[in-house]
N, C-alpha and C. Protein backbone atom coordinates (compact mmCIF):
# COMPACT_ATOMS: atom_id res chain seq x y z
N MET A 1 -94.30 -34.66 149.52
CA MET A 1 -92.96 -35.00 149.10
C MET A 1 -92.40 -35.99 150.11
N VAL A 2 -91.74 -37.00 149.59
CA VAL A 2 -91.03 -37.97 150.42
C VAL A 2 -89.68 -38.26 149.79
N GLY A 3 -88.75 -38.65 150.62
CA GLY A 3 -87.47 -39.12 150.15
C GLY A 3 -87.36 -40.59 150.52
N ILE A 4 -86.65 -41.35 149.72
CA ILE A 4 -86.47 -42.78 149.99
C ILE A 4 -85.00 -43.11 149.80
N SER A 5 -84.47 -43.87 150.76
CA SER A 5 -83.09 -44.33 150.64
C SER A 5 -83.00 -45.79 151.04
N PHE A 6 -81.85 -46.38 150.83
CA PHE A 6 -81.64 -47.76 151.23
C PHE A 6 -81.19 -47.86 152.69
N ASP A 7 -81.11 -46.75 153.38
CA ASP A 7 -80.67 -46.73 154.77
C ASP A 7 -81.78 -47.24 155.70
N THR A 8 -81.39 -47.57 156.91
CA THR A 8 -82.34 -48.05 157.91
C THR A 8 -83.22 -46.89 158.40
N PRO A 9 -84.36 -47.20 158.99
CA PRO A 9 -85.21 -46.13 159.55
C PRO A 9 -84.46 -45.28 160.57
N GLU A 10 -83.62 -45.90 161.38
CA GLU A 10 -82.86 -45.16 162.38
C GLU A 10 -81.87 -44.19 161.72
N ASP A 11 -81.17 -44.66 160.70
CA ASP A 11 -80.22 -43.80 159.99
C ASP A 11 -80.96 -42.64 159.30
N ASN A 12 -82.10 -42.94 158.70
CA ASN A 12 -82.88 -41.87 158.05
C ASN A 12 -83.39 -40.85 159.05
N ALA A 13 -83.84 -41.32 160.21
CA ALA A 13 -84.33 -40.39 161.25
C ALA A 13 -83.21 -39.46 161.71
N ALA A 14 -82.03 -40.01 161.91
CA ALA A 14 -80.88 -39.20 162.33
C ALA A 14 -80.50 -38.20 161.25
N PHE A 15 -80.48 -38.64 159.99
CA PHE A 15 -80.14 -37.77 158.87
C PHE A 15 -81.16 -36.64 158.74
N ARG A 16 -82.44 -36.98 158.86
CA ARG A 16 -83.51 -35.99 158.75
C ARG A 16 -83.39 -34.94 159.85
N THR A 17 -83.12 -35.39 161.06
CA THR A 17 -82.96 -34.47 162.18
C THR A 17 -81.73 -33.58 161.99
N LYS A 18 -80.61 -34.19 161.61
CA LYS A 18 -79.36 -33.45 161.44
C LYS A 18 -79.50 -32.34 160.40
N HIS A 19 -80.20 -32.64 159.29
CA HIS A 19 -80.31 -31.68 158.20
C HIS A 19 -81.64 -30.92 158.20
N ASP A 20 -82.46 -31.14 159.23
CA ASP A 20 -83.73 -30.44 159.41
C ASP A 20 -84.61 -30.52 158.17
N PHE A 21 -84.74 -31.74 157.62
CA PHE A 21 -85.57 -31.94 156.43
C PHE A 21 -87.04 -31.69 156.78
N PRO A 22 -87.77 -31.00 155.92
CA PRO A 22 -89.19 -30.74 156.19
C PRO A 22 -90.11 -31.83 155.63
N PHE A 23 -89.56 -32.97 155.23
CA PHE A 23 -90.37 -34.05 154.67
C PHE A 23 -89.88 -35.39 155.19
N ARG A 24 -90.68 -36.41 155.01
CA ARG A 24 -90.35 -37.75 155.49
C ARG A 24 -89.27 -38.41 154.63
N LEU A 25 -88.45 -39.20 155.29
CA LEU A 25 -87.48 -40.05 154.60
C LEU A 25 -87.87 -41.50 154.89
N LEU A 26 -88.20 -42.22 153.85
CA LEU A 26 -88.60 -43.61 153.99
C LEU A 26 -87.42 -44.54 153.73
N SER A 27 -87.45 -45.70 154.35
CA SER A 27 -86.37 -46.67 154.21
C SER A 27 -86.77 -47.78 153.25
N ASP A 28 -85.86 -48.10 152.37
CA ASP A 28 -86.05 -49.16 151.37
C ASP A 28 -84.88 -50.13 151.50
N VAL A 29 -84.75 -50.73 152.68
CA VAL A 29 -83.57 -51.56 152.94
C VAL A 29 -83.52 -52.81 152.06
N ASP A 30 -84.67 -53.29 151.59
CA ASP A 30 -84.66 -54.46 150.71
C ASP A 30 -84.58 -54.06 149.23
N LYS A 31 -84.55 -52.75 148.98
CA LYS A 31 -84.39 -52.17 147.64
C LYS A 31 -85.55 -52.48 146.69
N ALA A 32 -86.71 -52.80 147.23
CA ALA A 32 -87.88 -53.10 146.40
C ALA A 32 -88.36 -51.86 145.65
N VAL A 33 -88.43 -50.72 146.33
CA VAL A 33 -88.86 -49.49 145.67
C VAL A 33 -87.81 -49.05 144.67
N GLY A 34 -86.54 -49.13 145.07
CA GLY A 34 -85.45 -48.77 144.16
C GLY A 34 -85.45 -49.60 142.89
N THR A 35 -85.80 -50.86 143.03
CA THR A 35 -85.90 -51.73 141.86
C THR A 35 -87.06 -51.31 140.98
N THR A 36 -88.22 -51.07 141.59
CA THR A 36 -89.42 -50.68 140.84
C THR A 36 -89.20 -49.38 140.08
N TYR A 37 -88.53 -48.41 140.71
CA TYR A 37 -88.32 -47.10 140.09
C TYR A 37 -86.97 -46.99 139.39
N GLU A 38 -86.33 -48.11 139.16
CA GLU A 38 -85.07 -48.19 138.40
C GLU A 38 -83.99 -47.25 138.94
N ALA A 39 -83.85 -47.26 140.27
CA ALA A 39 -82.84 -46.42 140.92
C ALA A 39 -81.61 -47.20 141.35
N LEU A 40 -81.57 -48.50 141.06
CA LEU A 40 -80.41 -49.29 141.43
C LEU A 40 -79.24 -48.98 140.49
N ARG A 41 -78.07 -49.06 141.03
CA ARG A 41 -76.86 -48.91 140.22
C ARG A 41 -76.38 -50.31 139.82
N SER A 42 -75.57 -50.38 138.80
CA SER A 42 -75.04 -51.67 138.38
C SER A 42 -74.07 -52.20 139.45
N ALA A 43 -73.92 -53.51 139.49
CA ALA A 43 -73.08 -54.16 140.51
C ALA A 43 -71.62 -53.70 140.44
N ASP A 44 -71.13 -53.30 139.27
CA ASP A 44 -69.74 -52.87 139.14
C ASP A 44 -69.53 -51.37 139.41
N ASP A 45 -70.61 -50.67 139.72
CA ASP A 45 -70.53 -49.24 140.06
C ASP A 45 -69.88 -49.11 141.45
N PRO A 46 -68.93 -48.20 141.62
CA PRO A 46 -68.30 -48.02 142.94
C PRO A 46 -69.29 -47.63 144.03
N PHE A 47 -70.45 -47.12 143.64
CA PHE A 47 -71.48 -46.72 144.61
C PHE A 47 -72.71 -47.63 144.52
N ALA A 48 -72.49 -48.89 144.21
CA ALA A 48 -73.58 -49.84 143.99
C ALA A 48 -74.49 -50.00 145.21
N ASP A 49 -74.00 -49.71 146.40
CA ASP A 49 -74.82 -49.85 147.61
C ASP A 49 -75.78 -48.68 147.79
N TYR A 50 -75.67 -47.66 146.96
CA TYR A 50 -76.49 -46.46 147.09
C TYR A 50 -77.39 -46.31 145.86
N PRO A 51 -78.60 -45.81 146.06
CA PRO A 51 -79.47 -45.59 144.90
C PRO A 51 -78.98 -44.41 144.08
N GLN A 52 -79.36 -44.39 142.82
CA GLN A 52 -79.11 -43.22 142.00
C GLN A 52 -79.95 -42.07 142.58
N ARG A 53 -79.51 -40.86 142.36
CA ARG A 53 -80.29 -39.70 142.82
C ARG A 53 -81.28 -39.33 141.72
N ILE A 54 -82.46 -39.82 141.89
CA ILE A 54 -83.52 -39.61 140.92
C ILE A 54 -84.73 -39.05 141.64
N SER A 55 -85.39 -38.10 141.03
CA SER A 55 -86.65 -37.57 141.55
C SER A 55 -87.73 -37.82 140.53
N TYR A 56 -88.92 -38.00 141.03
CA TYR A 56 -90.07 -38.23 140.15
C TYR A 56 -91.18 -37.26 140.52
N LEU A 57 -91.75 -36.64 139.51
CA LEU A 57 -92.94 -35.83 139.69
C LEU A 57 -94.10 -36.74 139.33
N ILE A 58 -94.93 -37.05 140.31
CA ILE A 58 -96.02 -38.00 140.12
C ILE A 58 -97.34 -37.22 140.10
N ASP A 59 -98.13 -37.46 139.07
CA ASP A 59 -99.38 -36.72 138.92
C ASP A 59 -100.46 -37.28 139.86
N PRO A 60 -101.59 -36.58 139.97
CA PRO A 60 -102.65 -37.03 140.90
C PRO A 60 -103.18 -38.44 140.62
N ASP A 61 -103.01 -38.92 139.40
CA ASP A 61 -103.46 -40.27 139.07
C ASP A 61 -102.42 -41.34 139.40
N GLY A 62 -101.25 -40.91 139.90
CA GLY A 62 -100.20 -41.85 140.27
C GLY A 62 -99.22 -42.17 139.16
N ALA A 63 -99.35 -41.50 138.02
CA ALA A 63 -98.44 -41.74 136.90
C ALA A 63 -97.22 -40.81 137.02
N ILE A 64 -96.08 -41.29 136.58
CA ILE A 64 -94.88 -40.46 136.59
C ILE A 64 -95.00 -39.44 135.46
N ALA A 65 -95.05 -38.17 135.84
CA ALA A 65 -95.17 -37.09 134.86
C ALA A 65 -93.80 -36.67 134.34
N LYS A 66 -92.77 -36.76 135.20
CA LYS A 66 -91.43 -36.37 134.78
C LYS A 66 -90.41 -37.04 135.69
N THR A 67 -89.28 -37.38 135.12
CA THR A 67 -88.16 -37.99 135.84
C THR A 67 -86.97 -37.04 135.79
N TYR A 68 -86.29 -36.91 136.92
CA TYR A 68 -85.13 -36.03 137.01
C TYR A 68 -83.94 -36.82 137.54
N GLU A 69 -82.85 -36.83 136.82
CA GLU A 69 -81.60 -37.37 137.33
C GLU A 69 -80.87 -36.21 137.98
N VAL A 70 -80.72 -36.28 139.29
CA VAL A 70 -80.22 -35.13 140.06
C VAL A 70 -78.73 -35.27 140.30
N SER A 71 -77.95 -34.51 139.55
CA SER A 71 -76.51 -34.48 139.78
C SER A 71 -76.12 -33.22 140.54
N ASP A 72 -76.84 -32.14 140.30
CA ASP A 72 -76.60 -30.88 141.01
C ASP A 72 -77.93 -30.42 141.59
N PRO A 73 -78.12 -30.56 142.90
CA PRO A 73 -79.42 -30.24 143.50
C PRO A 73 -79.73 -28.75 143.64
N SER A 74 -78.80 -27.87 143.29
CA SER A 74 -78.99 -26.44 143.56
C SER A 74 -80.22 -25.84 142.89
N GLY A 75 -80.54 -26.21 141.68
CA GLY A 75 -81.71 -25.66 141.01
C GLY A 75 -82.86 -26.64 140.87
N HIS A 76 -82.70 -27.79 141.49
CA HIS A 76 -83.67 -28.86 141.31
C HIS A 76 -85.07 -28.51 141.81
N ALA A 77 -85.16 -27.95 142.99
CA ALA A 77 -86.48 -27.62 143.55
C ALA A 77 -87.23 -26.64 142.66
N ALA A 78 -86.54 -25.63 142.17
CA ALA A 78 -87.18 -24.64 141.29
C ALA A 78 -87.67 -25.28 140.00
N GLU A 79 -86.88 -26.21 139.45
CA GLU A 79 -87.28 -26.90 138.23
C GLU A 79 -88.54 -27.74 138.46
N VAL A 80 -88.57 -28.48 139.57
CA VAL A 80 -89.73 -29.31 139.88
C VAL A 80 -90.96 -28.44 140.11
N LEU A 81 -90.81 -27.34 140.85
CA LEU A 81 -91.94 -26.46 141.10
C LEU A 81 -92.48 -25.85 139.80
N ALA A 82 -91.60 -25.50 138.89
CA ALA A 82 -92.04 -24.97 137.59
C ALA A 82 -92.80 -26.03 136.80
N ASP A 83 -92.29 -27.25 136.82
CA ASP A 83 -92.97 -28.34 136.11
C ASP A 83 -94.32 -28.66 136.76
N LEU A 84 -94.38 -28.59 138.07
CA LEU A 84 -95.63 -28.81 138.78
C LEU A 84 -96.66 -27.73 138.42
N ALA A 85 -96.22 -26.50 138.37
CA ALA A 85 -97.12 -25.40 137.99
C ALA A 85 -97.63 -25.61 136.55
N ALA A 86 -96.75 -26.06 135.67
CA ALA A 86 -97.17 -26.30 134.28
C ALA A 86 -98.20 -27.42 134.20
N LEU A 87 -98.08 -28.42 135.03
CA LEU A 87 -99.04 -29.52 135.04
C LEU A 87 -100.42 -29.08 135.52
N GLN A 88 -100.45 -28.07 136.35
CA GLN A 88 -101.71 -27.62 136.94
C GLN A 88 -102.49 -26.68 136.02
N ARG A 89 -101.91 -26.33 134.90
CA ARG A 89 -102.59 -25.41 133.96
C ARG A 89 -103.60 -26.14 133.14
């Protein structure tokens, strides 16, 4: 599992440490990954400088198996784990 944001590597390192994340946070300051994965917001969005909160379940072949628009993260991990288990059957 990795997280990606438009923040700098230094900002991501500080955020990861502060929140004790158990996974890597990668920086996409040029927004190339955000563009590829359609996570950019429209220019008129008040939060245009931030990526949309989207998660992707990627299968072993590198294909996107499922896309999640994350508005409420409280049950998100359980949903992804259930979908992952279903893929492994």
